[in-house]
Amino acid sequence: MKLSDHIKQDSFASPAQKALLNVLVTHSWLTSELSATMNEHGVTLAQYNVLRILRGSHPERLTCSEVGQRLLERTPDVTRLLNRLEREDLISRRRAEHDGRCVEVGITPRGLDLINGMEDDVRATQERLTQHLSPDEHEALSNLLETMRTNQKVAG
């Protein structure tokens, strides 16, 4: 659906405004579609993201702050997110041997089974959402979005 049809607005202050609104609307749509897939497996998109990060580092463990830094969407409450996953026995936490002040996180066998079992559904959702783009368009879109984020000053 075209942006103008979605938000019922035909004119924009600038091409930059239209592009930013398109990114925001697309983010919302993608989040909704991906969340529906995750919900079928009993996890949220944020929980899936943590499991994906920990599977990628497995068998090595990561500190809680490393997990937080790698999240696709920043959350101020990584601890609460990890608590929920630990209650479900999808991750485990322990004090680091090298520094007792530091907590390390790893994915459990149950967590690996869950995320590995989700792969076909996640891949199918990704393919469905991007099926109208060619490989060159996928690459161009990635490059444009990375360019947009590069060398930005932090607001403050």
N, C-alpha and C. Protein backbone atom coordinates (compact mmCIF):
# COMPACT_ATOMS: atom_id res chain seq x y z
N MET A 1 0.85 -1.17 0.00
CA MET A 1 0.00 0.00 0.00
C MET A 1 0.90 1.24 0.00
N LYS A 2 0.53 2.19 -0.80
CA LYS A 2 1.29 3.44 -0.86
C LYS A 2 1.14 4.21 0.45
N LEU A 3 2.19 4.92 0.82
CA LEU A 3 2.17 5.71 2.06
C LEU A 3 1.00 6.68 2.08
N SER A 4 0.77 7.38 0.97
CA SER A 4 -0.31 8.38 0.92
C SER A 4 -1.67 7.74 1.18
N ASP A 5 -1.87 6.51 0.70
CA ASP A 5 -3.13 5.81 0.96
C ASP A 5 -3.22 5.38 2.42
N HIS A 6 -2.09 4.94 2.96
CA HIS A 6 -2.07 4.44 4.34
C HIS A 6 -2.37 5.54 5.35
N ILE A 7 -1.73 6.69 5.18
CA ILE A 7 -1.89 7.75 6.18
C ILE A 7 -2.87 8.84 5.72
N LYS A 8 -3.47 8.63 4.55
CA LYS A 8 -4.48 9.57 4.01
C LYS A 8 -3.90 10.99 3.91
N GLN A 9 -2.72 11.07 3.31
CA GLN A 9 -2.05 12.35 3.12
C GLN A 9 -1.38 12.32 1.75
N ASP A 10 -1.69 13.33 0.93
CA ASP A 10 -1.17 13.35 -0.43
C ASP A 10 0.11 14.16 -0.59
N SER A 11 0.32 15.13 0.28
CA SER A 11 1.52 15.95 0.13
C SER A 11 2.37 15.88 1.39
N PHE A 12 3.66 16.11 1.19
CA PHE A 12 4.61 16.02 2.28
C PHE A 12 5.49 17.25 2.25
N ALA A 13 6.03 17.62 3.39
CA ALA A 13 6.85 18.82 3.48
C ALA A 13 8.11 18.71 2.63
N SER A 14 8.58 17.48 2.46
CA SER A 14 9.80 17.27 1.67
C SER A 14 9.92 15.79 1.33
N PRO A 15 10.76 15.46 0.36
CA PRO A 15 11.02 14.04 0.09
C PRO A 15 11.60 13.33 1.32
N ALA A 16 12.39 14.06 2.12
CA ALA A 16 12.96 13.46 3.34
C ALA A 16 11.85 13.08 4.32
N GLN A 17 10.85 13.95 4.48
CA GLN A 17 9.74 13.64 5.38
C GLN A 17 8.99 12.40 4.89
N LYS A 18 8.74 12.35 3.59
CA LYS A 18 8.03 11.19 3.03
C LYS A 18 8.84 9.91 3.26
N ALA A 19 10.15 9.98 3.05
CA ALA A 19 10.99 8.81 3.25
C ALA A 19 10.98 8.37 4.71
N LEU A 20 11.10 9.31 5.64
CA LEU A 20 11.10 8.95 7.06
C LEU A 20 9.76 8.34 7.47
N LEU A 21 8.67 8.93 7.00
CA LEU A 21 7.35 8.37 7.32
C LEU A 21 7.22 6.96 6.73
N ASN A 22 7.75 6.75 5.53
CA ASN A 22 7.73 5.42 4.93
C ASN A 22 8.50 4.42 5.78
N VAL A 23 9.67 4.82 6.28
CA VAL A 23 10.46 3.94 7.14
C VAL A 23 9.68 3.60 8.41
N LEU A 24 9.04 4.60 9.02
CA LEU A 24 8.29 4.37 10.26
C LEU A 24 7.09 3.45 10.03
N VAL A 25 6.34 3.69 8.97
CA VAL A 25 5.17 2.85 8.68
C VAL A 25 5.62 1.42 8.36
N THR A 26 6.71 1.30 7.61
CA THR A 26 7.22 -0.03 7.26
C THR A 26 7.72 -0.75 8.49
N HIS A 27 8.39 -0.03 9.39
CA HIS A 27 8.86 -0.64 10.64
C HIS A 27 7.68 -1.21 11.43
N SER A 28 6.63 -0.42 11.54
CA SER A 28 5.45 -0.87 12.28
C SER A 28 4.85 -2.13 11.64
N TRP A 29 4.73 -2.13 10.33
CA TRP A 29 4.17 -3.28 9.61
C TRP A 29 5.05 -4.52 9.79
N LEU A 30 6.36 -4.36 9.61
CA LEU A 30 7.27 -5.49 9.76
C LEU A 30 7.24 -6.04 11.19
N THR A 31 7.23 -5.14 12.17
CA THR A 31 7.19 -5.56 13.57
C THR A 31 5.93 -6.37 13.85
N SER A 32 4.81 -5.91 13.34
CA SER A 32 3.55 -6.61 13.54
C SER A 32 3.57 -8.00 12.91
N GLU A 33 4.04 -8.08 11.68
CA GLU A 33 4.09 -9.37 10.98
C GLU A 33 5.06 -10.34 11.64
N LEU A 34 6.24 -9.87 12.01
CA LEU A 34 7.22 -10.73 12.66
C LEU A 34 6.76 -11.15 14.05
N SER A 35 6.12 -10.23 14.76
CA SER A 35 5.60 -10.55 16.09
C SER A 35 4.56 -11.66 16.03
N ALA A 36 3.74 -11.65 15.00
CA ALA A 36 2.73 -12.71 14.85
C ALA A 36 3.40 -14.06 14.70
N THR A 37 4.49 -14.12 13.95
CA THR A 37 5.23 -15.38 13.80
C THR A 37 5.83 -15.81 15.13
N MET A 38 6.42 -14.86 15.85
CA MET A 38 7.03 -15.20 17.15
C MET A 38 5.97 -15.67 18.15
N ASN A 39 4.83 -15.01 18.13
CA ASN A 39 3.75 -15.37 19.06
C ASN A 39 3.29 -16.81 18.87
N GLU A 40 3.35 -17.31 17.64
CA GLU A 40 2.98 -18.70 17.39
C GLU A 40 3.88 -19.67 18.15
N HIS A 41 5.07 -19.20 18.52
CA HIS A 41 6.02 -20.04 19.24
C HIS A 41 6.14 -19.64 20.71
N GLY A 42 5.28 -18.73 21.15
CA GLY A 42 5.24 -18.36 22.56
C GLY A 42 6.30 -17.38 23.02
N VAL A 43 6.93 -16.66 22.09
CA VAL A 43 7.91 -15.65 22.47
C VAL A 43 7.59 -14.33 21.80
N THR A 44 8.10 -13.27 22.39
CA THR A 44 7.96 -11.95 21.78
C THR A 44 9.11 -11.74 20.80
N LEU A 45 8.99 -10.70 20.02
CA LEU A 45 10.05 -10.35 19.08
C LEU A 45 11.35 -10.04 19.83
N ALA A 46 11.25 -9.34 20.95
CA ALA A 46 12.44 -9.01 21.75
C ALA A 46 13.08 -10.29 22.33
N GLN A 47 12.26 -11.23 22.79
CA GLN A 47 12.79 -12.49 23.32
C GLN A 47 13.46 -13.30 22.22
N TYR A 48 12.86 -13.33 21.06
CA TYR A 48 13.47 -14.02 19.92
C TYR A 48 14.82 -13.40 19.60
N ASN A 49 14.88 -12.09 19.63
CA ASN A 49 16.13 -11.38 19.34
C ASN A 49 17.23 -11.81 20.32
N VAL A 50 16.90 -11.90 21.61
CA VAL A 50 17.89 -12.35 22.61
C VAL A 50 18.33 -13.77 22.31
N LEU A 51 17.39 -14.64 22.02
CA LEU A 51 17.74 -16.04 21.71
C LEU A 51 18.61 -16.12 20.46
N ARG A 52 18.32 -15.29 19.46
CA ARG A 52 19.11 -15.26 18.23
C ARG A 52 20.54 -14.82 18.53
N ILE A 53 20.68 -13.81 19.36
CA ILE A 53 22.01 -13.30 19.75
C ILE A 53 22.79 -14.39 20.49
N LEU A 54 22.13 -15.03 21.45
CA LEU A 54 22.82 -16.05 22.26
C LEU A 54 23.14 -17.31 21.45
N ARG A 55 22.28 -17.66 20.51
CA ARG A 55 22.60 -18.80 19.64
C ARG A 55 23.84 -18.48 18.81
N GLY A 56 23.94 -17.25 18.36
CA GLY A 56 25.09 -16.84 17.56
C GLY A 56 26.40 -16.89 18.31
N SER A 57 26.37 -16.71 19.61
CA SER A 57 27.60 -16.74 20.40
C SER A 57 27.85 -18.11 21.04
N HIS A 58 26.87 -18.98 20.99
CA HIS A 58 26.94 -20.31 21.63
C HIS A 58 28.13 -21.10 21.10
N PRO A 59 28.90 -21.77 21.92
CA PRO A 59 28.68 -22.02 23.35
C PRO A 59 29.23 -20.94 24.27
N GLU A 60 29.82 -19.90 23.70
CA GLU A 60 30.32 -18.80 24.54
C GLU A 60 29.13 -18.07 25.15
N ARG A 61 29.36 -17.51 26.31
CA ARG A 61 28.35 -16.73 27.00
C ARG A 61 28.65 -15.25 26.79
N LEU A 62 27.63 -14.42 26.90
CA LEU A 62 27.79 -12.97 26.78
C LEU A 62 27.38 -12.31 28.08
N THR A 63 27.95 -11.15 28.34
CA THR A 63 27.49 -10.39 29.50
C THR A 63 26.11 -9.79 29.17
N CYS A 64 25.40 -9.43 30.21
CA CYS A 64 24.09 -8.80 30.01
C CYS A 64 24.22 -7.53 29.17
N SER A 65 25.27 -6.75 29.41
CA SER A 65 25.44 -5.52 28.64
C SER A 65 25.75 -5.81 27.18
N GLU A 66 26.50 -6.88 26.91
CA GLU A 66 26.75 -7.25 25.51
C GLU A 66 25.46 -7.63 24.81
N VAL A 67 24.60 -8.36 25.49
CA VAL A 67 23.29 -8.70 24.91
C VAL A 67 22.52 -7.43 24.62
N GLY A 68 22.48 -6.52 25.58
CA GLY A 68 21.76 -5.26 25.40
C GLY A 68 22.28 -4.45 24.23
N GLN A 69 23.60 -4.44 24.04
CA GLN A 69 24.19 -3.68 22.94
C GLN A 69 23.86 -4.27 21.58
N ARG A 70 23.63 -5.58 21.51
CA ARG A 70 23.39 -6.25 20.24
C ARG A 70 21.91 -6.30 19.86
N LEU A 71 21.03 -5.92 20.77
CA LEU A 71 19.60 -5.97 20.48
C LEU A 71 19.26 -5.08 19.29
N LEU A 72 18.35 -5.55 18.45
CA LEU A 72 17.92 -4.76 17.30
C LEU A 72 17.15 -3.52 17.75
N GLU A 73 16.35 -3.68 18.77
CA GLU A 73 15.62 -2.54 19.35
C GLU A 73 16.09 -2.39 20.77
N ARG A 74 16.63 -1.24 21.09
CA ARG A 74 17.15 -0.99 22.42
C ARG A 74 16.01 -1.01 23.43
N THR A 75 16.28 -1.62 24.55
CA THR A 75 15.31 -1.63 25.64
C THR A 75 16.04 -1.25 26.91
N PRO A 76 15.44 -0.40 27.72
CA PRO A 76 16.11 0.00 28.95
C PRO A 76 16.10 -1.10 30.02
N ASP A 77 15.27 -2.10 29.81
CA ASP A 77 15.10 -3.12 30.84
C ASP A 77 15.49 -4.50 30.34
N VAL A 78 16.76 -4.66 30.00
CA VAL A 78 17.27 -5.95 29.54
C VAL A 78 17.11 -7.00 30.64
N THR A 79 17.29 -6.59 31.88
CA THR A 79 17.19 -7.53 33.00
C THR A 79 15.83 -8.20 33.05
N ARG A 80 14.77 -7.43 32.90
CA ARG A 80 13.42 -7.99 32.93
C ARG A 80 13.21 -8.96 31.76
N LEU A 81 13.72 -8.59 30.60
CA LEU A 81 13.64 -9.45 29.43
C LEU A 81 14.36 -10.78 29.70
N LEU A 82 15.54 -10.71 30.26
CA LEU A 82 16.29 -11.92 30.59
C LEU A 82 15.61 -12.73 31.68
N ASN A 83 15.00 -12.06 32.65
CA ASN A 83 14.27 -12.77 33.72
C ASN A 83 13.19 -13.67 33.14
N ARG A 84 12.42 -13.14 32.18
CA ARG A 84 11.34 -13.93 31.58
C ARG A 84 11.89 -15.14 30.84
N LEU A 85 12.97 -14.95 30.11
CA LEU A 85 13.57 -16.07 29.37
C LEU A 85 14.15 -17.11 30.32
N GLU A 86 14.72 -16.66 31.42
CA GLU A 86 15.30 -17.58 32.40
C GLU A 86 14.20 -18.39 33.09
N ARG A 87 13.07 -17.74 33.40
CA ARG A 87 11.94 -18.46 34.02
C ARG A 87 11.44 -19.58 33.13
N GLU A 88 11.54 -19.39 31.81
CA GLU A 88 11.10 -20.41 30.86
C GLU A 88 12.20 -21.42 30.53
N ASP A 89 13.35 -21.30 31.21
CA ASP A 89 14.51 -22.17 30.99
C ASP A 89 15.02 -22.11 29.55
N LEU A 90 14.95 -20.90 28.96
CA LEU A 90 15.46 -20.70 27.61
C LEU A 90 16.88 -20.13 27.62
N ILE A 91 17.22 -19.48 28.74
CA ILE A 91 18.57 -18.98 28.95
C ILE A 91 19.00 -19.31 30.37
N SER A 92 20.30 -19.20 30.63
CA SER A 92 20.79 -19.33 32.00
C SER A 92 21.78 -18.20 32.25
N ARG A 93 21.83 -17.77 33.50
CA ARG A 93 22.77 -16.71 33.89
C ARG A 93 23.64 -17.23 35.02
N ARG A 94 24.88 -16.71 35.05
CA ARG A 94 25.79 -17.04 36.14
C ARG A 94 26.82 -15.92 36.26
N ARG A 95 27.42 -15.86 37.43
CA ARG A 95 28.49 -14.90 37.66
C ARG A 95 29.71 -15.31 36.85
N ALA A 96 30.38 -14.35 36.26
CA ALA A 96 31.59 -14.62 35.48
C ALA A 96 32.70 -15.08 36.41
N GLU A 97 33.47 -16.05 35.95
CA GLU A 97 34.59 -16.55 36.75
C GLU A 97 35.68 -15.50 36.89
N HIS A 98 35.88 -14.71 35.86
CA HIS A 98 36.94 -13.70 35.87
C HIS A 98 36.58 -12.45 36.66
N ASP A 99 35.28 -12.23 36.90
CA ASP A 99 34.82 -11.03 37.60
C ASP A 99 33.45 -11.32 38.20
N GLY A 100 33.40 -11.52 39.49
CA GLY A 100 32.16 -11.88 40.17
C GLY A 100 31.08 -10.82 40.10
N ARG A 101 31.44 -9.60 39.69
CA ARG A 101 30.43 -8.54 39.56
C ARG A 101 29.68 -8.64 38.25
N CYS A 102 30.23 -9.41 37.34
CA CYS A 102 29.70 -9.50 35.98
C CYS A 102 28.83 -10.76 35.83
N VAL A 103 27.66 -10.59 35.21
CA VAL A 103 26.77 -11.72 34.96
C VAL A 103 26.85 -12.09 33.49
N GLU A 104 27.03 -13.38 33.23
CA GLU A 104 27.08 -13.89 31.86
C GLU A 104 25.82 -14.68 31.56
N VAL A 105 25.41 -14.60 30.29
CA VAL A 105 24.17 -15.22 29.84
C VAL A 105 24.48 -16.21 28.72
N GLY A 106 23.82 -17.36 28.76
CA GLY A 106 23.96 -18.34 27.69
C GLY A 106 22.61 -18.94 27.36
N ILE A 107 22.50 -19.48 26.18
CA ILE A 107 21.27 -20.13 25.76
C ILE A 107 21.28 -21.57 26.26
N THR A 108 20.14 -22.05 26.71
CA THR A 108 20.03 -23.42 27.21
C THR A 108 19.68 -24.37 26.05
N PRO A 109 19.80 -25.68 26.29
CA PRO A 109 19.37 -26.62 25.25
C PRO A 109 17.90 -26.40 24.85
N ARG A 110 17.06 -26.08 25.82
CA ARG A 110 15.65 -25.81 25.51
C ARG A 110 15.52 -24.56 24.63
N GLY A 111 16.33 -23.54 24.92
CA GLY A 111 16.32 -22.33 24.11
C GLY A 111 16.78 -22.61 22.69
N LEU A 112 17.83 -23.42 22.56
CA LEU A 112 18.32 -23.80 21.22
C LEU A 112 17.26 -24.57 20.45
N ASP A 113 16.61 -25.51 21.14
CA ASP A 113 15.55 -26.27 20.47
C ASP A 113 14.44 -25.35 19.99
N LEU A 114 14.06 -24.40 20.82
CA LEU A 114 12.98 -23.48 20.45
C LEU A 114 13.37 -22.65 19.23
N ILE A 115 14.50 -21.99 19.30
CA ILE A 115 14.86 -21.08 18.20
C ILE A 115 15.17 -21.85 16.92
N ASN A 116 15.79 -23.01 17.04
CA ASN A 116 16.04 -23.82 15.84
C ASN A 116 14.73 -24.32 15.24
N GLY A 117 13.76 -24.63 16.09
CA GLY A 117 12.45 -25.08 15.62
C GLY A 117 11.63 -23.98 14.97
N MET A 118 12.00 -22.74 15.22
CA MET A 118 11.29 -21.59 14.66
C MET A 118 11.81 -21.20 13.28
N GLU A 119 12.98 -21.68 12.91
CA GLU A 119 13.68 -21.18 11.73
C GLU A 119 12.86 -21.25 10.45
N ASP A 120 12.18 -22.35 10.21
CA ASP A 120 11.40 -22.46 8.97
C ASP A 120 10.29 -21.42 8.92
N ASP A 121 9.60 -21.21 10.05
CA ASP A 121 8.53 -20.21 10.09
C ASP A 121 9.08 -18.80 9.94
N VAL A 122 10.20 -18.52 10.58
CA VAL A 122 10.81 -17.19 10.49
C VAL A 122 11.27 -16.94 9.05
N ARG A 123 11.92 -17.91 8.46
CA ARG A 123 12.38 -17.77 7.07
C ARG A 123 11.20 -17.56 6.12
N ALA A 124 10.13 -18.31 6.32
CA ALA A 124 8.95 -18.17 5.46
C ALA A 124 8.33 -16.78 5.60
N THR A 125 8.29 -16.27 6.81
CA THR A 125 7.76 -14.92 7.03
C THR A 125 8.64 -13.89 6.35
N GLN A 126 9.95 -14.01 6.52
CA GLN A 126 10.88 -13.08 5.88
C GLN A 126 10.72 -13.12 4.36
N GLU A 127 10.61 -14.30 3.81
CA GLU A 127 10.46 -14.42 2.36
C GLU A 127 9.14 -13.82 1.89
N ARG A 128 8.07 -14.05 2.65
CA ARG A 128 6.77 -13.49 2.29
C ARG A 128 6.81 -11.96 2.31
N LEU A 129 7.47 -11.40 3.32
CA LEU A 129 7.50 -9.95 3.47
C LEU A 129 8.38 -9.26 2.44
N THR A 130 9.33 -9.99 1.88
CA THR A 130 10.28 -9.36 0.95
C THR A 130 10.21 -9.95 -0.46
N GLN A 131 9.19 -10.73 -0.73
CA GLN A 131 9.11 -11.45 -2.00
C GLN A 131 9.04 -10.55 -3.23
N HIS A 132 8.61 -9.32 -3.07
CA HIS A 132 8.46 -8.43 -4.23
C HIS A 132 9.75 -7.68 -4.57
N LEU A 133 10.80 -7.94 -3.81
CA LEU A 133 12.08 -7.28 -4.07
C LEU A 133 13.07 -8.28 -4.64
N SER A 134 13.85 -7.84 -5.61
CA SER A 134 14.90 -8.67 -6.19
C SER A 134 16.10 -8.67 -5.25
N PRO A 135 17.03 -9.61 -5.44
CA PRO A 135 18.26 -9.57 -4.62
C PRO A 135 18.99 -8.23 -4.73
N ASP A 136 19.03 -7.64 -5.91
CA ASP A 136 19.67 -6.33 -6.07
C ASP A 136 18.91 -5.25 -5.29
N GLU A 137 17.59 -5.33 -5.28
CA GLU A 137 16.80 -4.36 -4.51
C GLU A 137 16.99 -4.55 -3.01
N HIS A 138 17.09 -5.81 -2.57
CA HIS A 138 17.39 -6.06 -1.16
C HIS A 138 18.70 -5.40 -0.77
N GLU A 139 19.71 -5.58 -1.60
CA GLU A 139 21.03 -5.00 -1.33
C GLU A 139 20.97 -3.48 -1.36
N ALA A 140 20.27 -2.92 -2.33
CA ALA A 140 20.15 -1.46 -2.43
C ALA A 140 19.42 -0.90 -1.21
N LEU A 141 18.36 -1.55 -0.78
CA LEU A 141 17.62 -1.10 0.39
C LEU A 141 18.51 -1.14 1.63
N SER A 142 19.23 -2.23 1.81
CA SER A 142 20.15 -2.34 2.96
C SER A 142 21.19 -1.23 2.93
N ASN A 143 21.75 -1.00 1.75
CA ASN A 143 22.77 0.05 1.63
C ASN A 143 22.20 1.43 1.94
N LEU A 144 21.00 1.72 1.45
CA LEU A 144 20.39 3.02 1.72
C LEU A 144 20.11 3.21 3.22
N LEU A 145 19.60 2.18 3.86
CA LEU A 145 19.31 2.28 5.29
C LEU A 145 20.59 2.42 6.11
N GLU A 146 21.63 1.69 5.73
CA GLU A 146 22.90 1.82 6.43
C GLU A 146 23.50 3.21 6.22
N THR A 147 23.39 3.73 5.01
CA THR A 147 23.87 5.08 4.73
C THR A 147 23.13 6.10 5.59
N MET A 148 21.84 5.90 5.74
CA MET A 148 21.03 6.82 6.54
C MET A 148 21.49 6.84 7.99
N ARG A 149 21.91 5.70 8.53
CA ARG A 149 22.33 5.61 9.93
C ARG A 149 23.79 5.99 10.16
N THR A 150 24.58 6.05 9.11
CA THR A 150 26.01 6.25 9.26
C THR A 150 26.34 7.70 9.58
N ASN A 151 27.29 7.86 10.51
CA ASN A 151 27.81 9.18 10.89
C ASN A 151 26.74 10.13 11.42
N GLN A 152 25.76 9.59 12.09
CA GLN A 152 24.74 10.44 12.69
C GLN A 152 25.22 10.89 14.07
N LYS A 153 24.94 12.13 14.39
CA LYS A 153 25.24 12.64 15.73
C LYS A 153 24.10 12.22 16.64
N VAL A 154 24.44 11.85 17.85
CA VAL A 154 23.44 11.45 18.83
C VAL A 154 22.72 12.70 19.33
N ALA A 155 21.39 12.65 19.31
CA ALA A 155 20.60 13.77 19.81
C ALA A 155 20.79 13.88 21.31
N GLY A 156 20.81 15.04 21.80
CA GLY A 156 20.97 15.14 23.25
C GLY A 156 20.99 16.52 23.65
